[in-house]
Amino acid sequence: MLPEEVGEFDSAWRGALSRAAETLDLDEVYQVLDDWHSIALLTRADPTAHRRMLQAARRVLAGEAIPTVPRAEIDALIQERLGR
């Protein structure tokens, strides 16, 4: 996870623990760990790409139009990289 995401993780973690203490159900705790484990793996693989994704998400949520690539182009690129 990126340093700027630590607060978000901490909030999710503390909230899940608090609710688990009330309900005696650890499902949400496990879900938070699973979600953030996935984020940690993606971040470790390419922190720069993860930051770009977060920036793009913020822009979209703010209503800003961002450049996109048509699905067919993405599919073609994947097939090319797979050598198909």
C-alpha atoms as a PDB file:
ATOM      1  CA  MET A   1       0.000   0.000   0.000  1.00  0.00           C
ATOM      2  CA  LEU A   2       1.125   3.532  -0.631  1.00  0.00           C
ATOM      3  CA  PRO A   3       1.924   5.829   2.290  1.00  0.00           C
ATOM      4  CA  GLU A   4      -1.016   8.027   1.326  1.00  0.00           C
ATOM      5  CA  GLU A   5      -3.363   5.030   1.730  1.00  0.00           C
ATOM      6  CA  VAL A   6      -2.343   4.183   5.297  1.00  0.00           C
ATOM      7  CA  GLY A   7      -5.058   6.381   6.814  1.00  0.00           C
ATOM      8  CA  GLU A   8      -7.743   4.758   4.676  1.00  0.00           C
ATOM      9  CA  PHE A   9      -6.544   1.280   5.655  1.00  0.00           C
ATOM     10  CA  ASP A  10      -6.354   2.245   9.322  1.00  0.00           C
ATOM     11  CA  SER A  11      -9.903   3.590   9.245  1.00  0.00           C
ATOM     12  CA  ALA A  12     -11.264   0.463   7.535  1.00  0.00           C
ATOM     13  CA  TRP A  13      -9.307  -1.797   9.906  1.00  0.00           C
ATOM     14  CA  ARG A  14     -10.415  -0.011  13.078  1.00  0.00           C
ATOM     15  CA  GLY A  15     -14.019   0.109  11.903  1.00  0.00           C
ATOM     16  CA  ALA A  16     -14.045  -3.603  11.106  1.00  0.00           C
ATOM     17  CA  LEU A  17     -12.474  -4.451  14.474  1.00  0.00           C
ATOM     18  CA  SER A  18     -14.969  -2.278  16.300  1.00  0.00           C
ATOM     19  CA  ARG A  19     -17.945  -3.866  14.565  1.00  0.00           C
ATOM     20  CA  ALA A  20     -16.474  -7.342  15.141  1.00  0.00           C
ATOM     21  CA  ALA A  21     -16.189  -6.614  18.852  1.00  0.00           C
ATOM     22  CA  GLU A  22     -19.899  -5.768  18.901  1.00  0.00           C
ATOM     23  CA  THR A  23     -21.148  -8.600  16.701  1.00  0.00           C
ATOM     24  CA  LEU A  24     -18.528 -11.277  17.482  1.00  0.00           C
ATOM     25  CA  ASP A  25     -18.348 -11.828  13.710  1.00  0.00           C
ATOM     26  CA  LEU A  26     -14.947 -11.642  12.025  1.00  0.00           C
ATOM     27  CA  ASP A  27     -16.205 -11.726   8.417  1.00  0.00           C
ATOM     28  CA  GLU A  28     -15.693  -7.991   7.903  1.00  0.00           C
ATOM     29  CA  VAL A  29     -12.202  -8.137   9.457  1.00  0.00           C
ATOM     30  CA  TYR A  30     -11.225 -10.886   7.026  1.00  0.00           C
ATOM     31  CA  GLN A  31     -12.740  -8.925   4.134  1.00  0.00           C
ATOM     32  CA  VAL A  32     -10.716  -5.803   4.995  1.00  0.00           C
ATOM     33  CA  LEU A  33      -7.540  -7.901   5.154  1.00  0.00           C
ATOM     34  CA  ASP A  34      -8.348  -9.588   1.847  1.00  0.00           C
ATOM     35  CA  ASP A  35      -9.126  -6.291   0.105  1.00  0.00           C
ATOM     36  CA  TRP A  36      -5.983  -4.583   1.343  1.00  0.00           C
ATOM     37  CA  HIS A  37      -3.818  -7.615   0.663  1.00  0.00           C
ATOM     38  CA  SER A  38      -4.862  -7.353  -2.999  1.00  0.00           C
ATOM     39  CA  ILE A  39      -4.074  -3.637  -3.005  1.00  0.00           C
ATOM     40  CA  ALA A  40      -0.679  -4.307  -1.406  1.00  0.00           C
ATOM     41  CA  LEU A  41       0.201  -6.877  -4.080  1.00  0.00           C
ATOM     42  CA  LEU A  42      -0.744  -4.505  -6.905  1.00  0.00           C
ATOM     43  CA  THR A  43       1.146  -1.645  -5.304  1.00  0.00           C
ATOM     44  CA  ARG A  44       4.270  -3.720  -4.745  1.00  0.00           C
ATOM     45  CA  ALA A  45       4.208  -4.868  -8.371  1.00  0.00           C
ATOM     46  CA  ASP A  46       4.067  -1.303  -9.738  1.00  0.00           C
ATOM     47  CA  PRO A  47       3.658   1.592  -7.285  1.00  0.00           C
ATOM     48  CA  THR A  48       3.728   4.164 -10.090  1.00  0.00           C
ATOM     49  CA  ALA A  49       0.862   2.480 -11.936  1.00  0.00           C
ATOM     50  CA  HIS A  50      -1.112   2.260  -8.690  1.00  0.00           C
ATOM     51  CA  ARG A  51      -0.644   5.997  -8.106  1.00  0.00           C
ATOM     52  CA  ARG A  52      -1.778   6.737 -11.687  1.00  0.00           C
ATOM     53  CA  MET A  53      -4.894   4.612 -11.129  1.00  0.00           C
ATOM     54  CA  LEU A  54      -5.693   6.466  -7.899  1.00  0.00           C
ATOM     55  CA  GLN A  55      -5.234   9.828  -9.634  1.00  0.00           C
ATOM     56  CA  ALA A  56      -7.500   8.747 -12.507  1.00  0.00           C
ATOM     57  CA  ALA A  57     -10.141   7.521 -10.043  1.00  0.00           C
ATOM     58  CA  ARG A  58     -10.067  10.859  -8.189  1.00  0.00           C
ATOM     59  CA  ARG A  59     -10.484  12.716 -11.466  1.00  0.00           C
ATOM     60  CA  VAL A  60     -13.431  10.535 -12.526  1.00  0.00           C
ATOM     61  CA  LEU A  61     -15.106  10.899  -9.119  1.00  0.00           C
ATOM     62  CA  ALA A  62     -14.661  14.676  -9.401  1.00  0.00           C
ATOM     63  CA  GLY A  63     -16.585  14.579 -12.686  1.00  0.00           C
ATOM     64  CA  GLU A  64     -13.577  15.259 -14.874  1.00  0.00           C
ATOM     65  CA  ALA A  65     -13.466  13.631 -18.284  1.00  0.00           C
ATOM     66  CA  ILE A  66     -10.339  11.570 -18.750  1.00  0.00           C
ATOM     67  CA  PRO A  67      -9.016   9.966 -21.926  1.00  0.00           C
ATOM     68  CA  THR A  68     -10.111   6.378 -22.426  1.00  0.00           C
ATOM     69  CA  VAL A  69      -9.225   3.548 -24.761  1.00  0.00           C
ATOM     70  CA  PRO A  70     -11.959   1.548 -26.524  1.00  0.00           C
ATOM     71  CA  ARG A  71     -12.433  -2.014 -25.271  1.00  0.00           C
ATOM     72  CA  ALA A  72     -11.578  -3.447 -28.691  1.00  0.00           C
ATOM     73  CA  GLU A  73      -8.153  -1.770 -28.565  1.00  0.00           C
ATOM     74  CA  ILE A  74      -7.466  -3.172 -25.107  1.00  0.00           C
ATOM     75  CA  ASP A  75      -8.528  -6.660 -26.229  1.00  0.00           C
ATOM     76  CA  ALA A  76      -6.285  -6.418 -29.315  1.00  0.00           C
ATOM     77  CA  LEU A  77      -3.329  -5.306 -27.192  1.00  0.00           C
ATOM     78  CA  ILE A  78      -3.842  -8.205 -24.799  1.00  0.00           C
ATOM     79  CA  GLN A  79      -4.016 -10.667 -27.672  1.00  0.00           C
ATOM     80  CA  GLU A  80      -0.870  -9.164 -29.216  1.00  0.00           C
ATOM     81  CA  ARG A  81       1.038  -9.434 -25.946  1.00  0.00           C
ATOM     82  CA  LEU A  82      -0.115 -13.017 -25.558  1.00  0.00           C
ATOM     83  CA  GLY A  83       1.177 -13.728 -29.057  1.00  0.00           C
ATOM     84  CA  ARG A  84      -2.200 -14.679 -30.462  1.00  0.00           C
END
